[in-house]
Amino acid sequence: MNILEIPNHPDTGLSLEALDFALARWTIKAVIVTPNFSNPMGSQMPSDRKAALVARLQALDTVLIEDDIYSELFHQGSRPDTCLQYDEAGDTVILCSSVSKTLAPGLRIGWVI
């Protein structure tokens, strides 16, 4: 397995332009992202960019693994949306989450959708 790091910006999240560059040059089987309150920046990817990310990966039949472990830590407005919400076909996004960060770190309870 080879791992390729894609730049992340605090205001826009994962660089879709850098991802496009990588997708055009290499065979990428999966992309792993933390679009909501990524660690260590705490940034949140805007909804339109989440939708664009899912659309790009659907077109290439590439899996998106979404680490949504921090989204319950929101402190303004409502809980942020997930990339999974933009996967209308239900065949691109795998959502991983947990309550370990919000309820009790020792519980180590998580799930995959």
C-alpha atoms as a PDB file:
ATOM      1  CA  MET A   1       0.000   0.000   0.000  1.00  0.00           C
ATOM      2  CA  ASN A   2       1.229   3.475  -0.874  1.00  0.00           C
ATOM      3  CA  ILE A   3      -0.060   6.520   0.962  1.00  0.00           C
ATOM      4  CA  LEU A   4      -0.269   9.949  -0.638  1.00  0.00           C
ATOM      5  CA  GLU A   5      -0.849  13.057   1.463  1.00  0.00           C
ATOM      6  CA  ILE A   6      -3.126  15.718  -0.022  1.00  0.00           C
ATOM      7  CA  PRO A   7      -2.861  19.303   1.326  1.00  0.00           C
ATOM      8  CA  ASN A   8      -5.600  20.567   3.620  1.00  0.00           C
ATOM      9  CA  HIS A   9      -6.603  24.219   4.104  1.00  0.00           C
ATOM     10  CA  PRO A  10      -8.254  25.519   7.305  1.00  0.00           C
ATOM     11  CA  ASP A  11     -11.017  27.318   5.369  1.00  0.00           C
ATOM     12  CA  THR A  12     -11.707  24.915   2.501  1.00  0.00           C
ATOM     13  CA  GLY A  13     -10.601  21.528   3.794  1.00  0.00           C
ATOM     14  CA  LEU A  14      -9.006  18.969   1.501  1.00  0.00           C
ATOM     15  CA  SER A  15      -7.506  20.541  -1.618  1.00  0.00           C
ATOM     16  CA  LEU A  16      -9.779  19.264  -4.380  1.00  0.00           C
ATOM     17  CA  GLU A  17      -7.331  20.637  -6.942  1.00  0.00           C
ATOM     18  CA  ALA A  18      -4.459  18.596  -5.498  1.00  0.00           C
ATOM     19  CA  LEU A  19      -6.756  15.568  -5.302  1.00  0.00           C
ATOM     20  CA  ASP A  20      -7.694  16.010  -8.987  1.00  0.00           C
ATOM     21  CA  PHE A  21      -3.984  16.133  -9.836  1.00  0.00           C
ATOM     22  CA  ALA A  22      -3.368  12.878  -7.929  1.00  0.00           C
ATOM     23  CA  LEU A  23      -6.445  11.116  -9.334  1.00  0.00           C
ATOM     24  CA  ALA A  24      -5.318  11.932 -12.883  1.00  0.00           C
ATOM     25  CA  ARG A  25      -1.848  10.470 -12.337  1.00  0.00           C
ATOM     26  CA  TRP A  26      -2.252   7.461 -10.087  1.00  0.00           C
ATOM     27  CA  THR A  27      -4.743   4.684  -9.466  1.00  0.00           C
ATOM     28  CA  ILE A  28      -6.268   5.610  -6.130  1.00  0.00           C
ATOM     29  CA  LYS A  29      -8.448   2.979  -4.476  1.00  0.00           C
ATOM     30  CA  ALA A  30      -9.621   5.022  -1.477  1.00  0.00           C
ATOM     31  CA  VAL A  31      -9.485   8.495   0.023  1.00  0.00           C
ATOM     32  CA  ILE A  32      -9.588   9.029   3.799  1.00  0.00           C
ATOM     33  CA  VAL A  33     -10.810  12.395   5.109  1.00  0.00           C
ATOM     34  CA  THR A  34     -11.817  14.072   8.357  1.00  0.00           C
ATOM     35  CA  PRO A  35     -13.955  16.908   6.965  1.00  0.00           C
ATOM     36  CA  ASN A  36     -15.422  18.052  10.289  1.00  0.00           C
ATOM     37  CA  PHE A  37     -13.042  19.545  12.848  1.00  0.00           C
ATOM     38  CA  SER A  38      -9.971  17.762  11.554  1.00  0.00           C
ATOM     39  CA  ASN A  39      -7.120  17.311  13.980  1.00  0.00           C
ATOM     40  CA  PRO A  40      -4.903  19.311  14.577  1.00  0.00           C
ATOM     41  CA  MET A  41      -6.396  22.330  12.725  1.00  0.00           C
ATOM     42  CA  GLY A  42     -10.006  21.938  13.830  1.00  0.00           C
ATOM     43  CA  SER A  43     -11.133  23.056  10.379  1.00  0.00           C
ATOM     44  CA  GLN A  44     -14.445  22.247   8.755  1.00  0.00           C
ATOM     45  CA  MET A  45     -14.817  21.510   5.043  1.00  0.00           C
ATOM     46  CA  PRO A  46     -17.662  23.582   3.511  1.00  0.00           C
ATOM     47  CA  SER A  47     -20.753  21.643   2.395  1.00  0.00           C
ATOM     48  CA  ASP A  48     -20.335  22.493  -1.292  1.00  0.00           C
ATOM     49  CA  ARG A  49     -16.808  21.083  -1.252  1.00  0.00           C
ATOM     50  CA  LYS A  50     -18.002  17.911   0.500  1.00  0.00           C
ATOM     51  CA  ALA A  51     -20.577  17.416  -2.256  1.00  0.00           C
ATOM     52  CA  ALA A  52     -17.935  18.082  -4.927  1.00  0.00           C
ATOM     53  CA  LEU A  53     -15.562  15.586  -3.304  1.00  0.00           C
ATOM     54  CA  VAL A  54     -18.209  12.850  -3.286  1.00  0.00           C
ATOM     55  CA  ALA A  55     -19.157  13.584  -6.915  1.00  0.00           C
ATOM     56  CA  ARG A  56     -15.512  13.366  -8.057  1.00  0.00           C
ATOM     57  CA  LEU A  57     -14.957  10.052  -6.327  1.00  0.00           C
ATOM     58  CA  GLN A  58     -18.284   8.580  -7.508  1.00  0.00           C
ATOM     59  CA  ALA A  59     -17.317   9.346 -11.100  1.00  0.00           C
ATOM     60  CA  LEU A  60     -14.079   7.396 -10.656  1.00  0.00           C
ATOM     61  CA  ASP A  61     -15.587   4.571  -8.573  1.00  0.00           C
ATOM     62  CA  THR A  62     -13.213   5.453  -5.723  1.00  0.00           C
ATOM     63  CA  VAL A  63     -14.180   4.821  -2.094  1.00  0.00           C
ATOM     64  CA  LEU A  64     -14.301   7.711   0.378  1.00  0.00           C
ATOM     65  CA  ILE A  65     -13.655   6.759   3.997  1.00  0.00           C
ATOM     66  CA  GLU A  66     -15.008   9.560   6.168  1.00  0.00           C
ATOM     67  CA  ASP A  67     -13.668   9.835   9.718  1.00  0.00           C
ATOM     68  CA  ASP A  68     -16.478  11.696  11.483  1.00  0.00           C
ATOM     69  CA  ILE A  69     -15.251  11.202  15.028  1.00  0.00           C
ATOM     70  CA  TYR A  70     -15.159  14.918  15.925  1.00  0.00           C
ATOM     71  CA  SER A  71     -18.436  16.230  14.476  1.00  0.00           C
ATOM     72  CA  GLU A  72     -20.286  15.945  17.799  1.00  0.00           C
ATOM     73  CA  LEU A  73     -17.907  18.582  19.178  1.00  0.00           C
ATOM     74  CA  PHE A  74     -19.629  21.426  17.284  1.00  0.00           C
ATOM     75  CA  HIS A  75     -20.298  24.512  19.401  1.00  0.00           C
ATOM     76  CA  GLN A  76     -22.235  26.824  17.068  1.00  0.00           C
ATOM     77  CA  GLY A  77     -25.428  26.126  15.161  1.00  0.00           C
ATOM     78  CA  SER A  78     -26.260  22.534  14.337  1.00  0.00           C
ATOM     79  CA  ARG A  79     -24.142  19.450  13.811  1.00  0.00           C
ATOM     80  CA  PRO A  80     -22.215  19.734  10.522  1.00  0.00           C
ATOM     81  CA  ASP A  81     -23.240  17.610   7.570  1.00  0.00           C
ATOM     82  CA  THR A  82     -21.252  14.583   6.487  1.00  0.00           C
ATOM     83  CA  CYS A  83     -19.973  13.499   3.096  1.00  0.00           C
ATOM     84  CA  LEU A  84     -22.262  10.484   3.463  1.00  0.00           C
ATOM     85  CA  GLN A  85     -25.254  12.825   3.095  1.00  0.00           C
ATOM     86  CA  TYR A  86     -24.134  13.560  -0.488  1.00  0.00           C
ATOM     87  CA  ASP A  87     -23.726   9.897  -1.452  1.00  0.00           C
ATOM     88  CA  GLU A  88     -27.185   9.476  -2.973  1.00  0.00           C
ATOM     89  CA  ALA A  89     -26.333   6.118  -4.570  1.00  0.00           C
ATOM     90  CA  GLY A  90     -24.952   4.842  -1.267  1.00  0.00           C
ATOM     91  CA  ASP A  91     -21.938   3.204  -2.879  1.00  0.00           C
ATOM     92  CA  THR A  92     -19.070   5.644  -2.352  1.00  0.00           C
ATOM     93  CA  VAL A  93     -18.826   6.811   1.273  1.00  0.00           C
ATOM     94  CA  ILE A  94     -17.978   4.698   4.309  1.00  0.00           C
ATOM     95  CA  LEU A  95     -18.658   6.717   7.469  1.00  0.00           C
ATOM     96  CA  CYS A  96     -16.704   5.913  10.642  1.00  0.00           C
ATOM     97  CA  SER A  97     -17.691   7.593  13.895  1.00  0.00           C
ATOM     98  CA  SER A  98     -17.651   7.220  17.663  1.00  0.00           C
ATOM     99  CA  VAL A  99     -18.920   8.655  20.926  1.00  0.00           C
ATOM    100  CA  SER A 100     -15.555   8.213  22.614  1.00  0.00           C
ATOM    101  CA  LYS A 101     -14.645  11.892  22.166  1.00  0.00           C
ATOM    102  CA  THR A 102     -17.926  13.229  23.581  1.00  0.00           C
ATOM    103  CA  LEU A 103     -19.131  10.774  26.231  1.00  0.00           C
ATOM    104  CA  ALA A 104     -16.235   8.863  27.727  1.00  0.00           C
ATOM    105  CA  PRO A 105     -12.851   8.188  26.097  1.00  0.00           C
ATOM    106  CA  GLY A 106     -12.519   4.907  27.963  1.00  0.00           C
ATOM    107  CA  LEU A 107     -15.640   3.424  26.356  1.00  0.00           C
ATOM    108  CA  ARG A 108     -14.094   3.092  22.874  1.00  0.00           C
ATOM    109  CA  ILE A 109     -17.493   2.774  21.205  1.00  0.00           C
ATOM    110  CA  GLY A 110     -17.618   3.331  17.466  1.00  0.00           C
ATOM    111  CA  TRP A 111     -19.455   2.337  14.289  1.00  0.00           C
ATOM    112  CA  VAL A 112     -19.131   2.148  10.534  1.00  0.00           C
ATOM    113  CA  ILE A 113     -21.962   2.942   8.094  1.00  0.00           C
END
